[in-house]
């Protein structure tokens, strides 16, 4: 399979999926190695960005997906008049930040950092699909652990948690 054919196949898979697709799944489907696939995907991402394409590709963790170019959002909004995204409240943002930086983390650990109860915030973040349960901590009572997920990365335009801003511990 030529590189041009690989690019077309990848593009088709992502278009039909409509969601992020695991890189290993694509590599297996195209019967190519993961390093070769990553090179082709990175090339496709760069080409689309350089051409200011309307449809971009982005990596989200170990997945890749198609997304609209944010430069054209005014046109998309005008044409489709989408439902406006609800903003996250201050308490949700604080809880989400703690989970993002400390994950996996328990409710008690979050409450210790915030200084207030966070049952509602955790429930809302799960409902919005930004966090998920990550098992139980092997400690007294086996409390539930929480972590961010791929939807969190998509929501904030991140490819991985490594792109989170560094914390200044002195502040």
C-alpha atoms as a PDB file:
ATOM      1  CA  UNK A   1       0.000   0.000   0.000  1.00  0.00           C
ATOM      2  CA  UNK A   2       1.407   3.401  -0.969  1.00  0.00           C
ATOM      3  CA  UNK A   3       1.525   6.306   1.457  1.00  0.00           C
ATOM      4  CA  UNK A   4      -1.149   8.104  -0.591  1.00  0.00           C
ATOM      5  CA  UNK A   5      -3.429   5.059  -0.310  1.00  0.00           C
ATOM      6  CA  UNK A   6      -2.743   4.836   3.452  1.00  0.00           C
ATOM      7  CA  UNK A   7      -3.711   8.487   3.885  1.00  0.00           C
ATOM      8  CA  UNK A   8      -6.955   7.957   1.980  1.00  0.00           C
ATOM      9  CA  UNK A   9      -7.763   4.832   4.000  1.00  0.00           C
ATOM     10  CA  UNK A  10      -7.044   6.599   7.308  1.00  0.00           C
ATOM     11  CA  UNK A  11      -9.165   9.570   6.285  1.00  0.00           C
ATOM     12  CA  UNK A  12     -12.038   7.262   5.299  1.00  0.00           C
ATOM     13  CA  UNK A  13     -11.883   5.315   8.562  1.00  0.00           C
ATOM     14  CA  UNK A  14     -11.940   8.518  10.615  1.00  0.00           C
ATOM     15  CA  UNK A  15     -14.737  10.059   8.567  1.00  0.00           C
ATOM     16  CA  UNK A  16     -17.019   7.035   8.864  1.00  0.00           C
ATOM     17  CA  UNK A  17     -16.239   6.586  12.567  1.00  0.00           C
ATOM     18  CA  UNK A  18     -17.129  10.154  13.488  1.00  0.00           C
ATOM     19  CA  UNK A  19     -15.153   9.640  16.701  1.00  0.00           C
ATOM     20  CA  UNK A  20     -11.558   9.174  17.759  1.00  0.00           C
ATOM     21  CA  UNK A  21     -10.177   5.823  16.582  1.00  0.00           C
ATOM     22  CA  UNK A  22      -7.447   3.912  18.394  1.00  0.00           C
ATOM     23  CA  UNK A  23      -4.115   4.121  16.543  1.00  0.00           C
ATOM     24  CA  UNK A  24      -3.438   0.415  17.084  1.00  0.00           C
ATOM     25  CA  UNK A  25      -6.812  -0.421  15.505  1.00  0.00           C
ATOM     26  CA  UNK A  26      -5.910   1.556  12.391  1.00  0.00           C
ATOM     27  CA  UNK A  27      -2.431  -0.019  12.245  1.00  0.00           C
ATOM     28  CA  UNK A  28      -3.970  -3.493  12.462  1.00  0.00           C
ATOM     29  CA  UNK A  29      -6.576  -2.673   9.843  1.00  0.00           C
ATOM     30  CA  UNK A  30      -3.984  -1.364   7.388  1.00  0.00           C
ATOM     31  CA  UNK A  31      -1.501  -4.094   8.343  1.00  0.00           C
ATOM     32  CA  UNK A  32       1.316  -1.629   9.032  1.00  0.00           C
ATOM     33  CA  UNK A  33       3.521  -0.977  12.047  1.00  0.00           C
ATOM     34  CA  UNK A  34       2.555   1.615  14.624  1.00  0.00           C
ATOM     35  CA  UNK A  35       5.711   3.757  14.054  1.00  0.00           C
ATOM     36  CA  UNK A  36       5.017   3.901  10.300  1.00  0.00           C
ATOM     37  CA  UNK A  37       1.364   4.787  10.947  1.00  0.00           C
ATOM     38  CA  UNK A  38       2.298   7.528  13.416  1.00  0.00           C
ATOM     39  CA  UNK A  39       4.633   9.033  10.834  1.00  0.00           C
ATOM     40  CA  UNK A  40       1.858   9.077   8.214  1.00  0.00           C
ATOM     41  CA  UNK A  41      -0.662  10.523  10.709  1.00  0.00           C
ATOM     42  CA  UNK A  42       1.768  13.263  11.809  1.00  0.00           C
ATOM     43  CA  UNK A  43       2.344  14.104   8.131  1.00  0.00           C
ATOM     44  CA  UNK A  44      -1.425  14.300   7.544  1.00  0.00           C
ATOM     45  CA  UNK A  45      -1.879  16.563  10.581  1.00  0.00           C
ATOM     46  CA  UNK A  46       0.883  18.907   9.398  1.00  0.00           C
ATOM     47  CA  UNK A  47      -0.445  19.014   5.806  1.00  0.00           C
ATOM     48  CA  UNK A  48      -3.937  19.956   6.955  1.00  0.00           C
ATOM     49  CA  UNK A  49      -2.645  22.643   9.301  1.00  0.00           C
ATOM     50  CA  UNK A  50      -0.308  24.090   6.666  1.00  0.00           C
ATOM     51  CA  UNK A  51      -3.172  24.267   4.151  1.00  0.00           C
ATOM     52  CA  UNK A  52      -5.555  25.759   6.733  1.00  0.00           C
ATOM     53  CA  UNK A  53      -7.983  22.961   5.796  1.00  0.00           C
ATOM     54  CA  UNK A  54     -11.573  23.091   6.975  1.00  0.00           C
ATOM     55  CA  UNK A  55     -11.233  19.584   8.407  1.00  0.00           C
ATOM     56  CA  UNK A  56      -8.191  18.959  10.596  1.00  0.00           C
ATOM     57  CA  UNK A  57      -6.832  15.810  12.207  1.00  0.00           C
ATOM     58  CA  UNK A  58      -5.831  15.651  15.832  1.00  0.00           C
ATOM     59  CA  UNK A  59      -4.351  13.086  18.156  1.00  0.00           C
ATOM     60  CA  UNK A  60      -6.156  12.511  21.431  1.00  0.00           C
ATOM     61  CA  UNK A  61      -4.062  10.250  23.618  1.00  0.00           C
ATOM     62  CA  UNK A  62      -3.614   6.993  21.684  1.00  0.00           C
ATOM     63  CA  UNK A  63      -6.392   7.885  19.266  1.00  0.00           C
ATOM     64  CA  UNK A  64      -6.778  10.095  16.208  1.00  0.00           C
ATOM     65  CA  UNK A  65      -9.848  11.916  14.916  1.00  0.00           C
ATOM     66  CA  UNK A  66     -11.106  14.428  12.396  1.00  0.00           C
ATOM     67  CA  UNK A  67     -12.269  17.792  13.701  1.00  0.00           C
ATOM     68  CA  UNK A  68     -13.395  21.096  12.254  1.00  0.00           C
ATOM     69  CA  UNK A  69     -10.918  23.948  11.965  1.00  0.00           C
ATOM     70  CA  UNK A  70     -11.656  26.445  14.761  1.00  0.00           C
ATOM     71  CA  UNK A  71     -10.933  29.300  12.310  1.00  0.00           C
ATOM     72  CA  UNK A  72     -14.244  28.508  10.616  1.00  0.00           C
ATOM     73  CA  UNK A  73     -16.438  28.223  13.724  1.00  0.00           C
ATOM     74  CA  UNK A  74     -18.307  31.482  13.001  1.00  0.00           C
ATOM     75  CA  UNK A  75     -19.462  29.982   9.690  1.00  0.00           C
ATOM     76  CA  UNK A  76     -20.362  26.663  11.301  1.00  0.00           C
ATOM     77  CA  UNK A  77     -22.308  28.431  14.063  1.00  0.00           C
ATOM     78  CA  UNK A  78     -24.148  30.589  11.543  1.00  0.00           C
ATOM     79  CA  UNK A  79     -25.033  27.644   9.303  1.00  0.00           C
ATOM     80  CA  UNK A  80     -25.958  25.100  11.929  1.00  0.00           C
ATOM     81  CA  UNK A  81     -26.908  27.303  14.888  1.00  0.00           C
ATOM     82  CA  UNK A  82     -25.690  24.651  17.332  1.00  0.00           C
ATOM     83  CA  UNK A  83     -26.745  24.510  20.923  1.00  0.00           C
ATOM     84  CA  UNK A  84     -24.278  26.583  22.888  1.00  0.00           C
ATOM     85  CA  UNK A  85     -21.975  24.644  25.174  1.00  0.00           C
ATOM     86  CA  UNK A  86     -22.730  25.150  28.806  1.00  0.00           C
ATOM     87  CA  UNK A  87     -19.901  26.662  30.719  1.00  0.00           C
ATOM     88  CA  UNK A  88     -18.398  24.864  33.650  1.00  0.00           C
ATOM     89  CA  UNK A  89     -19.010  26.502  37.022  1.00  0.00           C
ATOM     90  CA  UNK A  90     -16.084  27.539  39.211  1.00  0.00           C
ATOM     91  CA  UNK A  91     -16.613  24.527  41.497  1.00  0.00           C
ATOM     92  CA  UNK A  92     -16.615  22.140  38.517  1.00  0.00           C
ATOM     93  CA  UNK A  93     -13.446  23.706  37.099  1.00  0.00           C
ATOM     94  CA  UNK A  94     -11.675  23.481  40.465  1.00  0.00           C
ATOM     95  CA  UNK A  95     -12.683  19.839  40.942  1.00  0.00           C
ATOM     96  CA  UNK A  96     -11.738  18.976  37.365  1.00  0.00           C
ATOM     97  CA  UNK A  97      -8.325  20.642  37.740  1.00  0.00           C
ATOM     98  CA  UNK A  98      -7.577  18.645  40.884  1.00  0.00           C
ATOM     99  CA  UNK A  99      -8.561  15.408  39.158  1.00  0.00           C
ATOM    100  CA  UNK A 100      -6.522  16.266  36.046  1.00  0.00           C
ATOM    101  CA  UNK A 101      -3.343  16.980  37.991  1.00  0.00           C
ATOM    102  CA  UNK A 102      -3.642  14.399  40.800  1.00  0.00           C
ATOM    103  CA  UNK A 103      -5.325  11.461  39.040  1.00  0.00           C
ATOM    104  CA  UNK A 104      -6.287   8.901  39.982  1.00  0.00           C
ATOM    105  CA  UNK A 105      -7.716  10.620  43.048  1.00  0.00           C
ATOM    106  CA  UNK A 106     -10.463   9.900  45.585  1.00  0.00           C
ATOM    107  CA  UNK A 107     -13.355  12.171  46.543  1.00  0.00           C
ATOM    108  CA  UNK A 108     -11.862  12.594  50.031  1.00  0.00           C
ATOM    109  CA  UNK A 109      -8.522  13.692  48.552  1.00  0.00           C
ATOM    110  CA  UNK A 110     -10.303  16.230  46.332  1.00  0.00           C
ATOM    111  CA  UNK A 111     -12.294  17.546  49.300  1.00  0.00           C
ATOM    112  CA  UNK A 112      -9.103  17.831  51.361  1.00  0.00           C
ATOM    113  CA  UNK A 113      -7.533  20.029  48.656  1.00  0.00           C
ATOM    114  CA  UNK A 114     -10.669  22.126  47.952  1.00  0.00           C
ATOM    115  CA  UNK A 115     -11.792  22.347  51.576  1.00  0.00           C
ATOM    116  CA  UNK A 116     -15.439  21.695  50.685  1.00  0.00           C
ATOM    117  CA  UNK A 117     -17.659  18.734  49.785  1.00  0.00           C
ATOM    118  CA  UNK A 118     -17.544  17.795  46.109  1.00  0.00           C
ATOM    119  CA  UNK A 119     -20.161  15.038  45.647  1.00  0.00           C
ATOM    120  CA  UNK A 120     -22.212  17.248  43.314  1.00  0.00           C
ATOM    121  CA  UNK A 121     -19.188  18.373  41.286  1.00  0.00           C
ATOM    122  CA  UNK A 122     -18.005  14.811  40.741  1.00  0.00           C
ATOM    123  CA  UNK A 123     -21.496  13.687  39.731  1.00  0.00           C
ATOM    124  CA  UNK A 124     -21.821  16.570  37.240  1.00  0.00           C
ATOM    125  CA  UNK A 125     -18.378  15.934  35.736  1.00  0.00           C
ATOM    126  CA  UNK A 126     -19.251  12.260  35.259  1.00  0.00           C
ATOM    127  CA  UNK A 127     -22.583  13.261  33.694  1.00  0.00           C
ATOM    128  CA  UNK A 128     -20.819  15.669  31.318  1.00  0.00           C
ATOM    129  CA  UNK A 129     -18.432  12.838  30.402  1.00  0.00           C
ATOM    130  CA  UNK A 130     -15.259  14.688  31.440  1.00  0.00           C
ATOM    131  CA  UNK A 131     -14.202  12.228  34.162  1.00  0.00           C
ATOM    132  CA  UNK A 132     -14.756   8.561  34.872  1.00  0.00           C
ATOM    133  CA  UNK A 133     -14.347   6.070  37.663  1.00  0.00           C
ATOM    134  CA  UNK A 134     -10.894   4.494  37.733  1.00  0.00           C
ATOM    135  CA  UNK A 135     -11.429   1.628  40.140  1.00  0.00           C
ATOM    136  CA  UNK A 136     -10.975   1.608  43.886  1.00  0.00           C
ATOM    137  CA  UNK A 137      -8.046   2.623  46.042  1.00  0.00           C
ATOM    138  CA  UNK A 138      -6.584  -0.139  48.164  1.00  0.00           C
ATOM    139  CA  UNK A 139      -7.115   1.699  51.430  1.00  0.00           C
ATOM    140  CA  UNK A 140      -9.574   1.685  54.318  1.00  0.00           C
ATOM    141  CA  UNK A 141     -13.087   1.603  52.858  1.00  0.00           C
ATOM    142  CA  UNK A 142     -11.816   1.074  49.286  1.00  0.00           C
ATOM    143  CA  UNK A 143     -12.810   4.571  48.106  1.00  0.00           C
ATOM    144  CA  UNK A 144     -13.610   5.179  44.432  1.00  0.00           C
ATOM    145  CA  UNK A 145     -10.842   6.682  42.294  1.00  0.00           C
ATOM    146  CA  UNK A 146     -11.546   9.247  39.556  1.00  0.00           C
ATOM    147  CA  UNK A 147      -9.590  10.235  36.454  1.00  0.00           C
ATOM    148  CA  UNK A 148     -10.051  12.318  33.330  1.00  0.00           C
ATOM    149  CA  UNK A 149     -10.789  10.672  29.976  1.00  0.00           C
ATOM    150  CA  UNK A 150     -10.504  11.311  26.244  1.00  0.00           C
ATOM    151  CA  UNK A 151     -13.566  13.589  26.294  1.00  0.00           C
ATOM    152  CA  UNK A 152     -11.688  15.814  28.771  1.00  0.00           C
ATOM    153  CA  UNK A 153      -8.777  16.006  26.322  1.00  0.00           C
ATOM    154  CA  UNK A 154     -11.121  16.793  23.403  1.00  0.00           C
ATOM    155  CA  UNK A 155     -13.042  19.393  25.407  1.00  0.00           C
ATOM    156  CA  UNK A 156      -9.850  21.301  26.217  1.00  0.00           C
ATOM    157  CA  UNK A 157      -8.099  20.668  22.881  1.00  0.00           C
ATOM    158  CA  UNK A 158      -5.288  18.584  24.353  1.00  0.00           C
ATOM    159  CA  UNK A 159      -3.541  15.616  22.757  1.00  0.00           C
ATOM    160  CA  UNK A 160      -2.403  14.270  26.132  1.00  0.00           C
ATOM    161  CA  UNK A 161      -2.188  15.206  29.801  1.00  0.00           C
ATOM    162  CA  UNK A 162       1.452  16.192  29.209  1.00  0.00           C
ATOM    163  CA  UNK A 163       0.100  19.357  27.546  1.00  0.00           C
ATOM    164  CA  UNK A 164      -1.479  20.589  30.789  1.00  0.00           C
ATOM    165  CA  UNK A 165       0.191  23.776  32.030  1.00  0.00           C
ATOM    166  CA  UNK A 166       2.845  23.154  34.664  1.00  0.00           C
ATOM    167  CA  UNK A 167       1.786  23.868  38.227  1.00  0.00           C
ATOM    168  CA  UNK A 168       3.709  26.417  40.245  1.00  0.00           C
ATOM    169  CA  UNK A 169       3.731  24.781  43.677  1.00  0.00           C
ATOM    170  CA  UNK A 170       4.711  28.075  45.363  1.00  0.00           C
ATOM    171  CA  UNK A 171       1.426  29.790  44.465  1.00  0.00           C
END
